[in-house]
Amino acid sequence: MALYLDSAIISEAQIVKEWGWVKGITTNPTLLAKSELSPEETLTQLKNLISGEIYYQLTASDFQEMVREGIRAFELLGEQTVLKIPATTIGFQVVANLSPEIPCSVTAIYSAAQAAVAMEAGAKYAIAYVNRATRLLGDGIALVKDMANILDGSPTKILAASIKSPEEASATLQAGAYHLTLPLEILTAMTTHELSEKTVIEFNQNGVGIDSGS
């Protein structure tokens, strides 16, 4: 399992780098548009900050252009590259073409059938938008469960996105997601609980520890 930052903001990448437990970064065209830098410079700086996987979503719609864009992203990011390719007829064709050389994920999956095609096309990851699927389909957690049943035992793992709370994050993992990508505020929220804070205060008030030497 891995937790990723869903962002293209350099300052946020710097924060999670210091944390030490966030394994990579996922971007998309909307997130890259929020960066003050060009997409190329943003990706280059993210690569210099993060040692794990960096996801780049293709924006072209023609097969040949998508392939060229994927190769260009790989030239920028090297071995850290994961391409995000939309779950469309052409998108699956691009995955089948590029996945032998460049790790690919299929993004915006809204059915277990699409997850099956992603697996057969050679995708490393199948991406489900959990909260968005709940709004559009009625139950994003059920979608993850259906995908997990299809992908069970295969090399293709579920990466869940569009998660709006720590509770939704844990429910998504229990449903069968292997990885989560989350905005900074949700990653932060997952680290805290009011009872944890209260317990720490009680320990510190009533106990003793070693001298730190400061």
Protein backbone atom coordinates (compact mmCIF):
# COMPACT_ATOMS: atom_id res chain seq x y z
CA MET A 1 0.00 0.00 0.00
CA ALA A 2 1.08 3.57 -0.62
CA LEU A 3 -0.32 7.02 0.08
CA TYR A 4 0.24 9.73 -2.53
CA LEU A 5 -0.17 13.49 -2.54
CA ASP A 6 -2.70 14.65 -5.12
CA SER A 7 -1.24 18.03 -6.04
CA ALA A 8 1.11 19.92 -8.34
CA ILE A 9 1.95 22.65 -5.83
CA ILE A 10 5.67 22.66 -5.07
CA SER A 11 5.25 23.92 -1.49
CA GLU A 12 2.89 21.03 -0.73
CA ALA A 13 5.37 18.55 -2.17
CA GLN A 14 8.03 20.02 0.11
CA ILE A 15 5.78 19.46 3.13
CA VAL A 16 5.12 15.79 2.41
CA LYS A 17 8.80 15.23 1.64
CA GLU A 18 9.56 16.24 5.22
CA TRP A 19 6.90 13.84 6.53
CA GLY A 20 8.70 10.88 5.03
CA TRP A 21 5.70 8.56 4.59
CA VAL A 22 4.06 9.90 1.43
CA LYS A 23 5.33 7.75 -1.43
CA GLY A 24 4.69 9.84 -4.53
CA ILE A 25 2.62 12.51 -6.25
CA THR A 26 -0.31 12.37 -8.64
CA THR A 27 -1.07 15.28 -10.93
CA ASN A 28 -3.70 16.03 -13.53
CA PRO A 29 -4.27 18.92 -15.96
CA THR A 30 -6.41 20.84 -13.45
CA LEU A 31 -3.80 20.52 -10.72
CA LEU A 32 -0.98 21.52 -13.06
CA ALA A 33 -2.98 24.61 -14.05
CA LYS A 34 -2.86 25.72 -10.38
CA SER A 35 0.94 25.76 -10.39
CA GLU A 36 2.67 29.09 -10.96
CA LEU A 37 5.18 27.27 -13.18
CA SER A 38 4.86 25.69 -16.59
CA PRO A 39 3.88 21.99 -16.60
CA GLU A 40 7.42 21.06 -17.66
CA GLU A 41 9.05 23.08 -14.87
CA THR A 42 6.52 21.87 -12.32
CA LEU A 43 7.20 18.23 -13.16
CA THR A 44 10.95 18.81 -13.11
CA GLN A 45 10.81 20.39 -9.64
CA LEU A 46 8.54 17.63 -8.35
CA LYS A 47 11.02 15.07 -9.64
CA ASN A 48 13.82 16.83 -7.76
CA LEU A 49 11.79 16.80 -4.54
CA ILE A 50 10.20 13.35 -4.56
CA SER A 51 11.98 10.04 -5.07
CA GLY A 52 8.78 8.06 -5.67
CA GLU A 53 6.34 7.83 -8.54
CA ILE A 54 5.02 10.96 -10.25
CA TYR A 55 1.81 10.63 -12.26
CA TYR A 56 1.24 12.69 -15.39
CA GLN A 57 -2.12 12.68 -17.19
CA LEU A 58 -2.17 12.86 -20.98
CA THR A 59 -4.14 15.75 -22.46
CA ALA A 60 -3.99 14.83 -26.16
CA SER A 61 -6.95 12.97 -27.69
CA ASP A 62 -5.45 11.50 -30.88
CA PHE A 63 -3.66 8.15 -30.57
CA GLN A 64 -0.35 9.23 -32.07
CA GLU A 65 -0.35 12.51 -30.15
CA MET A 66 -1.08 10.67 -26.89
CA VAL A 67 1.81 8.29 -27.51
CA ARG A 68 4.15 11.20 -28.24
CA GLU A 69 2.99 13.05 -25.12
CA GLY A 70 3.55 9.96 -23.01
CA ILE A 71 7.07 9.53 -24.33
CA ARG A 72 7.79 13.22 -23.68
CA ALA A 73 6.58 12.84 -20.07
CA PHE A 74 8.88 9.85 -19.66
CA GLU A 75 11.79 11.91 -20.99
CA LEU A 76 11.06 14.49 -18.26
CA LEU A 77 10.43 12.15 -15.34
CA GLY A 78 12.40 9.04 -16.20
CA GLU A 79 11.88 5.97 -14.03
CA GLN A 80 9.53 7.89 -11.72
CA THR A 81 6.94 8.21 -14.50
CA VAL A 82 3.44 6.82 -14.28
CA LEU A 83 1.22 7.93 -17.13
CA LYS A 84 -2.44 8.59 -16.39
CA ILE A 85 -4.46 7.65 -19.45
CA PRO A 86 -8.23 8.17 -19.63
CA ALA A 87 -10.54 5.15 -19.71
CA THR A 88 -11.63 5.53 -23.32
CA THR A 89 -11.40 3.29 -26.36
CA ILE A 90 -8.35 5.16 -27.64
CA GLY A 91 -6.96 5.43 -24.11
CA PHE A 92 -6.90 1.67 -23.65
CA GLN A 93 -5.14 1.35 -27.02
CA VAL A 94 -2.50 3.81 -25.82
CA VAL A 95 -2.03 1.83 -22.59
CA ALA A 96 -1.51 -1.38 -24.56
CA ASN A 97 1.04 0.41 -26.74
CA LEU A 98 3.02 2.16 -24.00
CA SER A 99 2.73 -0.10 -20.95
CA PRO A 100 5.51 -2.50 -22.02
CA GLU A 101 7.97 0.41 -21.73
CA ILE A 102 6.35 3.03 -19.46
CA PRO A 103 4.20 2.31 -16.36
CA CYS A 104 0.61 3.30 -17.11
CA SER A 105 -2.51 3.89 -15.08
CA VAL A 106 -6.05 4.11 -16.41
CA THR A 107 -7.87 7.04 -14.89
CA ALA A 108 -11.57 7.94 -14.55
CA ILE A 109 -12.79 4.35 -14.33
CA TYR A 110 -16.49 4.11 -13.54
CA SER A 111 -17.19 0.40 -14.10
CA ALA A 112 -15.65 -2.93 -13.22
CA ALA A 113 -15.69 -3.76 -16.94
CA GLN A 114 -13.30 -0.87 -17.59
CA ALA A 115 -11.05 -2.21 -14.83
CA ALA A 116 -10.94 -5.55 -16.64
CA VAL A 117 -9.89 -3.85 -19.87
CA ALA A 118 -7.24 -1.85 -18.00
CA MET A 119 -5.83 -5.10 -16.64
CA GLU A 120 -5.74 -6.74 -20.08
CA ALA A 121 -4.13 -3.64 -21.61
CA GLY A 122 -1.26 -3.93 -19.14
CA ALA A 123 -2.03 -1.04 -16.78
CA LYS A 124 -0.12 -0.98 -13.51
CA TYR A 125 -2.92 0.93 -11.81
CA ALA A 126 -6.68 1.32 -12.23
CA ILE A 127 -7.88 4.65 -10.84
CA ALA A 128 -11.34 5.10 -9.35
CA TYR A 129 -12.77 8.50 -8.34
CA VAL A 130 -14.57 7.39 -5.19
CA ASN A 131 -16.49 10.46 -4.04
CA ARG A 132 -17.24 11.53 -7.59
CA ALA A 133 -18.53 8.03 -8.37
CA THR A 134 -20.79 8.24 -5.33
CA ARG A 135 -22.23 11.50 -6.63
CA LEU A 136 -22.65 10.24 -10.20
CA LEU A 137 -23.38 6.53 -9.72
CA GLY A 138 -24.67 6.36 -6.15
CA ASP A 139 -21.92 4.33 -4.44
CA GLY A 140 -18.21 4.83 -5.06
CA ILE A 141 -17.25 2.28 -2.41
CA ALA A 142 -19.29 -0.37 -4.23
CA LEU A 143 -17.42 0.50 -7.43
CA VAL A 144 -14.10 -0.13 -5.67
CA LYS A 145 -15.38 -3.47 -4.36
CA ASP A 146 -16.48 -4.54 -7.85
CA MET A 147 -13.12 -3.50 -9.30
CA ALA A 148 -11.27 -5.37 -6.56
CA ASN A 149 -13.18 -8.55 -7.36
CA ILE A 150 -12.21 -8.28 -11.02
CA LEU A 151 -8.56 -7.42 -10.34
CA ASP A 152 -7.98 -9.88 -7.50
CA GLY A 153 -4.71 -11.72 -8.05
CA SER A 154 -3.66 -9.58 -11.03
CA PRO A 155 -0.70 -7.17 -11.21
CA THR A 156 -3.10 -4.25 -11.75
CA LYS A 157 -3.76 -2.46 -8.46
CA ILE A 158 -6.51 0.00 -7.56
CA LEU A 159 -5.47 3.57 -6.87
CA ALA A 160 -8.37 5.48 -5.36
CA ALA A 161 -8.76 9.23 -5.79
CA SER A 162 -11.49 11.81 -5.09
CA ILE A 163 -11.59 11.07 -1.36
CA LYS A 164 -13.02 13.74 0.90
CA SER A 165 -12.45 12.48 4.46
CA PRO A 166 -10.32 10.08 6.53
CA GLU A 167 -13.43 7.93 6.99
CA GLU A 168 -13.92 7.65 3.24
CA ALA A 169 -10.22 6.85 2.89
CA SER A 170 -10.38 3.92 5.33
CA ALA A 171 -13.62 2.62 3.80
CA THR A 172 -11.99 2.70 0.37
CA LEU A 173 -9.03 0.66 1.57
CA GLN A 174 -11.34 -1.86 3.22
CA ALA A 175 -13.26 -2.13 -0.06
CA GLY A 176 -10.12 -3.27 -1.86
CA ALA A 177 -8.16 -0.21 -2.97
CA TYR A 178 -4.43 -0.82 -2.79
CA HIS A 179 -3.26 2.82 -2.90
CA LEU A 180 -4.81 6.21 -2.15
CA THR A 181 -4.04 9.64 -3.54
CA LEU A 182 -5.22 12.50 -1.37
CA PRO A 183 -5.02 16.29 -1.16
CA LEU A 184 -2.78 17.71 1.54
CA GLU A 185 -5.64 18.56 3.88
CA ILE A 186 -6.94 14.98 3.90
CA LEU A 187 -3.46 13.53 4.39
CA THR A 188 -3.06 15.87 7.35
CA ALA A 189 -6.47 14.96 8.75
CA MET A 190 -5.59 11.26 8.62
CA THR A 191 -2.75 11.83 11.08
CA THR A 192 -4.89 13.32 13.83
CA HIS A 193 -7.73 12.34 16.15
CA GLU A 194 -9.02 14.29 19.12
CA LEU A 195 -8.64 11.29 21.44
CA SER A 196 -5.01 10.85 20.36
CA GLU A 197 -4.31 14.48 21.21
CA LYS A 198 -6.06 14.13 24.56
CA THR A 199 -4.16 10.96 25.43
CA VAL A 200 -0.80 12.56 24.64
CA ILE A 201 -1.62 15.53 26.87
CA GLU A 202 -2.55 13.18 29.72
CA PHE A 203 0.71 11.22 29.35
CA ASN A 204 2.77 14.40 29.34
CA GLN A 205 1.00 15.83 32.36
CA ASN A 206 1.23 12.69 34.46
CA GLY A 207 4.44 11.01 33.32
CA VAL A 208 8.18 11.56 32.90
CA GLY A 209 10.74 10.80 30.17
CA ILE A 210 14.46 10.98 29.48
CA ASP A 211 16.30 14.28 29.19
CA SER A 212 16.68 15.20 25.48
CA GLY A 213 19.93 17.01 26.26
CA SER A 214 18.76 20.37 24.90
